[in-house]
Amino acid sequence: MTQLYTESFLEETARIAGAIDVDAVEAMAVGLASCRAGGGRLFVIGVGGGAGHASHAVCDFRKLAGFEAYTPVDNVSELSARTNDEGFETVFDAWLRGSRAPEISVNVVRAVELARSVGAFVCGVVGKADGVTATLADAVVVVPAPAERLTPHTEAWQAVVWHLLVSHPALATAPAKWESVS
């Protein structure tokens, strides 16, 4: 039984790889390169596993792609103070305002809406084509995963896409250490 599950999961992963929208990833690379060239900053938002990804992605975008990049989840004290004082629903947009120039994550929705309202380039890797990020983003990769494994596949592909982006010729400014060692 578990071997069948493993085979099924890996088959889904291979199918998803073939279905990822290459044009959406390229649009992300172009938009991010334009943002960086214009002196813009990169803000990465995520909750749950996406929060861990946000922290890792910020590290990679800073180190490997030369971005000024931030995520509110790296400052647990501020994040928890804002959650306590203002509520979790507004924690990200309140953080973004201070940083500026149901079954949904209202905090992520509000952050995307704020970014859109100030004309920021918005991109994302999401699991649903009808969500707010997918609807409002300039470039979005929708991970076509089965509903029963939507979260693990979406979170896995978030990491694949950001690693693709930080090593993309349009964005990479430094090689990853393991690629620069002879």
C-alpha atoms as a PDB file:
ATOM      1  CA  MET A   1       0.000   0.000   0.000  1.00  0.00           C
ATOM      2  CA  THR A   2       2.673   2.570   0.937  1.00  0.00           C
ATOM      3  CA  GLN A   3       4.706   1.732  -2.152  1.00  0.00           C
ATOM      4  CA  LEU A   4       1.624   2.448  -4.266  1.00  0.00           C
ATOM      5  CA  TYR A   5       1.214   5.795  -2.509  1.00  0.00           C
ATOM      6  CA  THR A   6       4.862   6.680  -3.151  1.00  0.00           C
ATOM      7  CA  GLU A   7       4.580   5.694  -6.811  1.00  0.00           C
ATOM      8  CA  SER A   8       1.375   7.703  -7.165  1.00  0.00           C
ATOM      9  CA  PHE A   9       2.875  10.801  -5.506  1.00  0.00           C
ATOM     10  CA  LEU A  10       5.961  10.694  -7.719  1.00  0.00           C
ATOM     11  CA  GLU A  11       3.856  10.148 -10.848  1.00  0.00           C
ATOM     12  CA  GLU A  12       1.782  13.201  -9.879  1.00  0.00           C
ATOM     13  CA  THR A  13       4.984  15.188  -9.392  1.00  0.00           C
ATOM     14  CA  ALA A  14       6.233  14.247 -12.857  1.00  0.00           C
ATOM     15  CA  ARG A  15       2.853  15.142 -14.381  1.00  0.00           C
ATOM     16  CA  ILE A  16       2.866  18.491 -12.601  1.00  0.00           C
ATOM     17  CA  ALA A  17       6.388  19.208 -13.881  1.00  0.00           C
ATOM     18  CA  GLY A  18       5.153  18.756 -17.426  1.00  0.00           C
ATOM     19  CA  ALA A  19       2.144  20.988 -16.813  1.00  0.00           C
ATOM     20  CA  ILE A  20       3.872  23.967 -15.165  1.00  0.00           C
ATOM     21  CA  ASP A  21       3.249  27.098 -17.231  1.00  0.00           C
ATOM     22  CA  VAL A  22       6.702  27.998 -18.579  1.00  0.00           C
ATOM     23  CA  ASP A  23       5.438  31.378 -19.802  1.00  0.00           C
ATOM     24  CA  ALA A  24       4.277  32.251 -16.273  1.00  0.00           C
ATOM     25  CA  VAL A  25       7.705  31.424 -14.843  1.00  0.00           C
ATOM     26  CA  GLU A  26       9.384  33.513 -17.570  1.00  0.00           C
ATOM     27  CA  ALA A  27       6.994  36.381 -16.810  1.00  0.00           C
ATOM     28  CA  MET A  28       8.057  36.152 -13.166  1.00  0.00           C
ATOM     29  CA  ALA A  29      11.731  36.314 -14.162  1.00  0.00           C
ATOM     30  CA  VAL A  30      11.162  39.337 -16.410  1.00  0.00           C
ATOM     31  CA  GLY A  31       9.028  41.146 -13.832  1.00  0.00           C
ATOM     32  CA  LEU A  32      11.476  40.461 -11.028  1.00  0.00           C
ATOM     33  CA  ALA A  33      14.443  41.554 -13.152  1.00  0.00           C
ATOM     34  CA  SER A  34      12.611  44.792 -13.944  1.00  0.00           C
ATOM     35  CA  CYS A  35      11.828  45.307 -10.261  1.00  0.00           C
ATOM     36  CA  ARG A  36      15.476  44.818  -9.266  1.00  0.00           C
ATOM     37  CA  ALA A  37      16.775  47.010 -12.115  1.00  0.00           C
ATOM     38  CA  GLY A  38      14.439  49.787 -10.991  1.00  0.00           C
ATOM     39  CA  GLY A  39      15.730  49.642  -7.423  1.00  0.00           C
ATOM     40  CA  GLY A  40      12.611  47.886  -6.169  1.00  0.00           C
ATOM     41  CA  ARG A  41      12.475  45.606  -3.179  1.00  0.00           C
ATOM     42  CA  LEU A  42      11.122  42.070  -2.990  1.00  0.00           C
ATOM     43  CA  PHE A  43       8.657  41.121  -0.252  1.00  0.00           C
ATOM     44  CA  VAL A  44       7.881  37.413   0.117  1.00  0.00           C
ATOM     45  CA  ILE A  45       4.726  36.390   1.976  1.00  0.00           C
ATOM     46  CA  GLY A  46       3.757  32.907   3.123  1.00  0.00           C
ATOM     47  CA  VAL A  47       1.924  31.113   5.916  1.00  0.00           C
ATOM     48  CA  GLY A  48       2.443  27.645   7.328  1.00  0.00           C
ATOM     49  CA  GLY A  49       5.014  25.828   5.210  1.00  0.00           C
ATOM     50  CA  GLY A  50       4.970  28.872   2.941  1.00  0.00           C
ATOM     51  CA  ALA A  51       6.398  30.927   5.813  1.00  0.00           C
ATOM     52  CA  GLY A  52       9.429  28.661   5.927  1.00  0.00           C
ATOM     53  CA  HIS A  53       9.689  28.927   2.154  1.00  0.00           C
ATOM     54  CA  ALA A  54       9.421  32.730   2.375  1.00  0.00           C
ATOM     55  CA  SER A  55      12.396  32.868   4.715  1.00  0.00           C
ATOM     56  CA  HIS A  56      14.481  30.540   2.545  1.00  0.00           C
ATOM     57  CA  ALA A  57      13.470  32.358  -0.660  1.00  0.00           C
ATOM     58  CA  VAL A  58      14.458  35.741   0.810  1.00  0.00           C
ATOM     59  CA  CYS A  59      17.881  34.317   1.640  1.00  0.00           C
ATOM     60  CA  ASP A  60      18.338  32.991  -1.897  1.00  0.00           C
ATOM     61  CA  PHE A  61      17.025  36.117  -3.642  1.00  0.00           C
ATOM     62  CA  ARG A  62      19.365  38.288  -1.545  1.00  0.00           C
ATOM     63  CA  LYS A  63      22.433  36.073  -1.852  1.00  0.00           C
ATOM     64  CA  LEU A  64      22.083  34.657  -5.363  1.00  0.00           C
ATOM     65  CA  ALA A  65      20.021  37.233  -7.244  1.00  0.00           C
ATOM     66  CA  GLY A  66      21.109  40.540  -5.679  1.00  0.00           C
ATOM     67  CA  PHE A  67      17.717  41.627  -4.368  1.00  0.00           C
ATOM     68  CA  GLU A  68      16.886  43.756  -1.400  1.00  0.00           C
ATOM     69  CA  ALA A  69      14.387  41.204  -0.102  1.00  0.00           C
ATOM     70  CA  TYR A  70      12.358  40.779   3.079  1.00  0.00           C
ATOM     71  CA  THR A  71       9.665  38.647   4.674  1.00  0.00           C
ATOM     72  CA  PRO A  72       7.639  39.535   7.765  1.00  0.00           C
ATOM     73  CA  VAL A  73       7.909  35.962   9.034  1.00  0.00           C
ATOM     74  CA  ASP A  74      11.608  36.439   9.805  1.00  0.00           C
ATOM     75  CA  ASN A  75      10.790  38.799  12.657  1.00  0.00           C
ATOM     76  CA  VAL A  76       8.751  36.666  15.050  1.00  0.00           C
ATOM     77  CA  SER A  77       8.592  39.415  17.666  1.00  0.00           C
ATOM     78  CA  GLU A  78       7.030  41.944  15.297  1.00  0.00           C
ATOM     79  CA  LEU A  79       4.799  39.342  13.644  1.00  0.00           C
ATOM     80  CA  SER A  80       3.420  38.141  16.965  1.00  0.00           C
ATOM     81  CA  ALA A  81       3.058  41.702  18.328  1.00  0.00           C
ATOM     82  CA  ARG A  82       1.092  42.752  15.249  1.00  0.00           C
ATOM     83  CA  THR A  83      -1.017  39.597  15.484  1.00  0.00           C
ATOM     84  CA  ASN A  84      -1.730  40.312  19.143  1.00  0.00           C
ATOM     85  CA  ASP A  85      -2.439  44.029  18.696  1.00  0.00           C
ATOM     86  CA  GLU A  86      -4.025  44.165  15.238  1.00  0.00           C
ATOM     87  CA  GLY A  87      -5.194  40.626  14.467  1.00  0.00           C
ATOM     88  CA  PHE A  88      -3.854  37.970  12.145  1.00  0.00           C
ATOM     89  CA  GLU A  89      -6.011  39.039   9.201  1.00  0.00           C
ATOM     90  CA  THR A  90      -4.108  42.306   8.756  1.00  0.00           C
ATOM     91  CA  VAL A  91      -0.650  41.289   9.951  1.00  0.00           C
ATOM     92  CA  PHE A  92       0.991  41.239   6.504  1.00  0.00           C
ATOM     93  CA  ASP A  93      -0.577  44.332   4.974  1.00  0.00           C
ATOM     94  CA  ALA A  94       0.114  46.279   8.183  1.00  0.00           C
ATOM     95  CA  TRP A  95       3.739  45.108   7.988  1.00  0.00           C
ATOM     96  CA  LEU A  96       3.955  46.048   4.290  1.00  0.00           C
ATOM     97  CA  ARG A  97       2.512  49.507   4.998  1.00  0.00           C
ATOM     98  CA  GLY A  98       5.289  49.993   7.541  1.00  0.00           C
ATOM     99  CA  SER A  99       7.892  48.677   5.088  1.00  0.00           C
ATOM    100  CA  ARG A 100       6.958  50.706   2.153  1.00  0.00           C
ATOM    101  CA  ALA A 101       7.576  52.630  -0.288  1.00  0.00           C
ATOM    102  CA  PRO A 102     -12.620  30.983   5.980  1.00  0.00           C
ATOM    103  CA  GLU A 103     -10.432  28.644   3.699  1.00  0.00           C
ATOM    104  CA  ILE A 104      -8.312  31.475   2.562  1.00  0.00           C
ATOM    105  CA  SER A 105      -5.430  33.273   4.201  1.00  0.00           C
ATOM    106  CA  VAL A 106      -7.013  36.682   4.638  1.00  0.00           C
ATOM    107  CA  ASN A 107      -3.634  38.083   5.654  1.00  0.00           C
ATOM    108  CA  VAL A 108      -2.101  37.013   2.318  1.00  0.00           C
ATOM    109  CA  VAL A 109      -5.156  38.298   0.418  1.00  0.00           C
ATOM    110  CA  ARG A 110      -4.854  41.725   2.017  1.00  0.00           C
ATOM    111  CA  ALA A 111      -1.118  41.851   1.305  1.00  0.00           C
ATOM    112  CA  VAL A 112      -1.695  41.008  -2.374  1.00  0.00           C
ATOM    113  CA  GLU A 113      -4.489  43.582  -2.611  1.00  0.00           C
ATOM    114  CA  LEU A 114      -2.250  46.242  -1.056  1.00  0.00           C
ATOM    115  CA  ALA A 115       0.642  45.395  -3.395  1.00  0.00           C
ATOM    116  CA  ARG A 116      -1.708  45.625  -6.363  1.00  0.00           C
ATOM    117  CA  SER A 117      -3.125  48.961  -5.171  1.00  0.00           C
ATOM    118  CA  VAL A 118       0.341  50.573  -5.085  1.00  0.00           C
ATOM    119  CA  GLY A 119       1.300  49.235  -8.514  1.00  0.00           C
ATOM    120  CA  ALA A 120       3.778  46.604  -7.337  1.00  0.00           C
ATOM    121  CA  PHE A 121       4.657  43.628  -9.524  1.00  0.00           C
ATOM    122  CA  VAL A 122       2.824  40.686  -7.949  1.00  0.00           C
ATOM    123  CA  CYS A 123       3.678  37.059  -8.623  1.00  0.00           C
ATOM    124  CA  GLY A 124       2.988  33.792  -6.883  1.00  0.00           C
ATOM    125  CA  VAL A 125       2.995  30.025  -6.890  1.00  0.00           C
ATOM    126  CA  VAL A 126      -0.421  28.819  -5.813  1.00  0.00           C
ATOM    127  CA  GLY A 127      -2.607  25.743  -5.759  1.00  0.00           C
ATOM    128  CA  LYS A 128      -5.872  27.242  -6.999  1.00  0.00           C
ATOM    129  CA  ALA A 129      -6.536  29.151 -10.206  1.00  0.00           C
ATOM    130  CA  ASP A 130      -9.513  30.998  -8.722  1.00  0.00           C
ATOM    131  CA  GLY A 131      -7.808  32.418  -5.625  1.00  0.00           C
ATOM    132  CA  VAL A 132      -6.993  36.073  -5.041  1.00  0.00           C
ATOM    133  CA  THR A 133      -3.292  35.747  -5.833  1.00  0.00           C
ATOM    134  CA  ALA A 134      -4.015  33.888  -9.071  1.00  0.00           C
ATOM    135  CA  THR A 135      -6.617  36.492 -10.008  1.00  0.00           C
ATOM    136  CA  LEU A 136      -4.611  39.621  -9.129  1.00  0.00           C
ATOM    137  CA  ALA A 137      -1.019  38.598  -9.849  1.00  0.00           C
ATOM    138  CA  ASP A 138       0.914  39.807 -12.864  1.00  0.00           C
ATOM    139  CA  ALA A 139       2.467  36.358 -13.143  1.00  0.00           C
ATOM    140  CA  VAL A 140       1.315  33.220 -11.391  1.00  0.00           C
ATOM    141  CA  VAL A 141       2.133  29.542 -11.525  1.00  0.00           C
ATOM    142  CA  VAL A 142      -0.864  27.431 -10.622  1.00  0.00           C
ATOM    143  CA  VAL A 143       0.261  23.978  -9.483  1.00  0.00           C
ATOM    144  CA  PRO A 144      -2.152  21.479 -11.071  1.00  0.00           C
ATOM    145  CA  ALA A 145      -2.200  19.021  -8.181  1.00  0.00           C
ATOM    146  CA  PRO A 146      -4.995  16.709  -7.101  1.00  0.00           C
ATOM    147  CA  ALA A 147      -7.151  18.165  -4.323  1.00  0.00           C
ATOM    148  CA  GLU A 148      -6.207  15.452  -1.837  1.00  0.00           C
ATOM    149  CA  ARG A 149      -2.523  16.442  -2.086  1.00  0.00           C
ATOM    150  CA  LEU A 150      -2.820  20.102  -3.064  1.00  0.00           C
ATOM    151  CA  THR A 151      -0.812  21.486  -0.147  1.00  0.00           C
ATOM    152  CA  PRO A 152       2.237  19.196  -0.314  1.00  0.00           C
ATOM    153  CA  HIS A 153       2.575  19.571  -4.070  1.00  0.00           C
ATOM    154  CA  THR A 154       2.013  23.346  -4.026  1.00  0.00           C
ATOM    155  CA  GLU A 155       4.552  23.893  -1.263  1.00  0.00           C
ATOM    156  CA  ALA A 156       7.074  21.669  -3.045  1.00  0.00           C
ATOM    157  CA  TRP A 157       6.633  23.571  -6.300  1.00  0.00           C
ATOM    158  CA  GLN A 158       7.028  26.914  -4.549  1.00  0.00           C
ATOM    159  CA  ALA A 159      10.560  25.808  -3.698  1.00  0.00           C
ATOM    160  CA  VAL A 160      11.204  24.492  -7.213  1.00  0.00           C
ATOM    161  CA  VAL A 161      10.054  27.743  -8.824  1.00  0.00           C
ATOM    162  CA  TRP A 162      12.000  30.106  -6.562  1.00  0.00           C
ATOM    163  CA  HIS A 163      15.145  27.984  -7.002  1.00  0.00           C
ATOM    164  CA  LEU A 164      14.583  28.128 -10.751  1.00  0.00           C
ATOM    165  CA  LEU A 165      14.231  31.919 -10.537  1.00  0.00           C
ATOM    166  CA  VAL A 166      17.326  32.630  -8.440  1.00  0.00           C
ATOM    167  CA  SER A 167      19.395  30.563 -10.886  1.00  0.00           C
ATOM    168  CA  HIS A 168      17.651  32.014 -13.982  1.00  0.00           C
ATOM    169  CA  PRO A 169      20.031  33.893 -16.324  1.00  0.00           C
ATOM    170  CA  ALA A 170      17.829  37.001 -16.078  1.00  0.00           C
ATOM    171  CA  LEU A 171      18.189  37.084 -12.282  1.00  0.00           C
ATOM    172  CA  ALA A 172      21.278  35.210 -11.070  1.00  0.00           C
ATOM    173  CA  THR A 173      24.055  37.509  -9.915  1.00  0.00           C
ATOM    174  CA  ALA A 174      26.119  34.902  -8.066  1.00  0.00           C
ATOM    175  CA  PRO A 175      26.466  31.147  -8.345  1.00  0.00           C
ATOM    176  CA  ALA A 176      25.264  28.946  -5.537  1.00  0.00           C
ATOM    177  CA  LYS A 177      28.240  27.815  -3.487  1.00  0.00           C
ATOM    178  CA  TRP A 178      27.969  24.172  -4.518  1.00  0.00           C
ATOM    179  CA  GLU A 179      28.105  25.240  -8.182  1.00  0.00           C
ATOM    180  CA  SER A 180      31.139  27.486  -7.690  1.00  0.00           C
ATOM    181  CA  VAL A 181      33.348  24.885  -6.018  1.00  0.00           C
ATOM    182  CA  SER A 182      35.600  23.001  -8.422  1.00  0.00           C
END
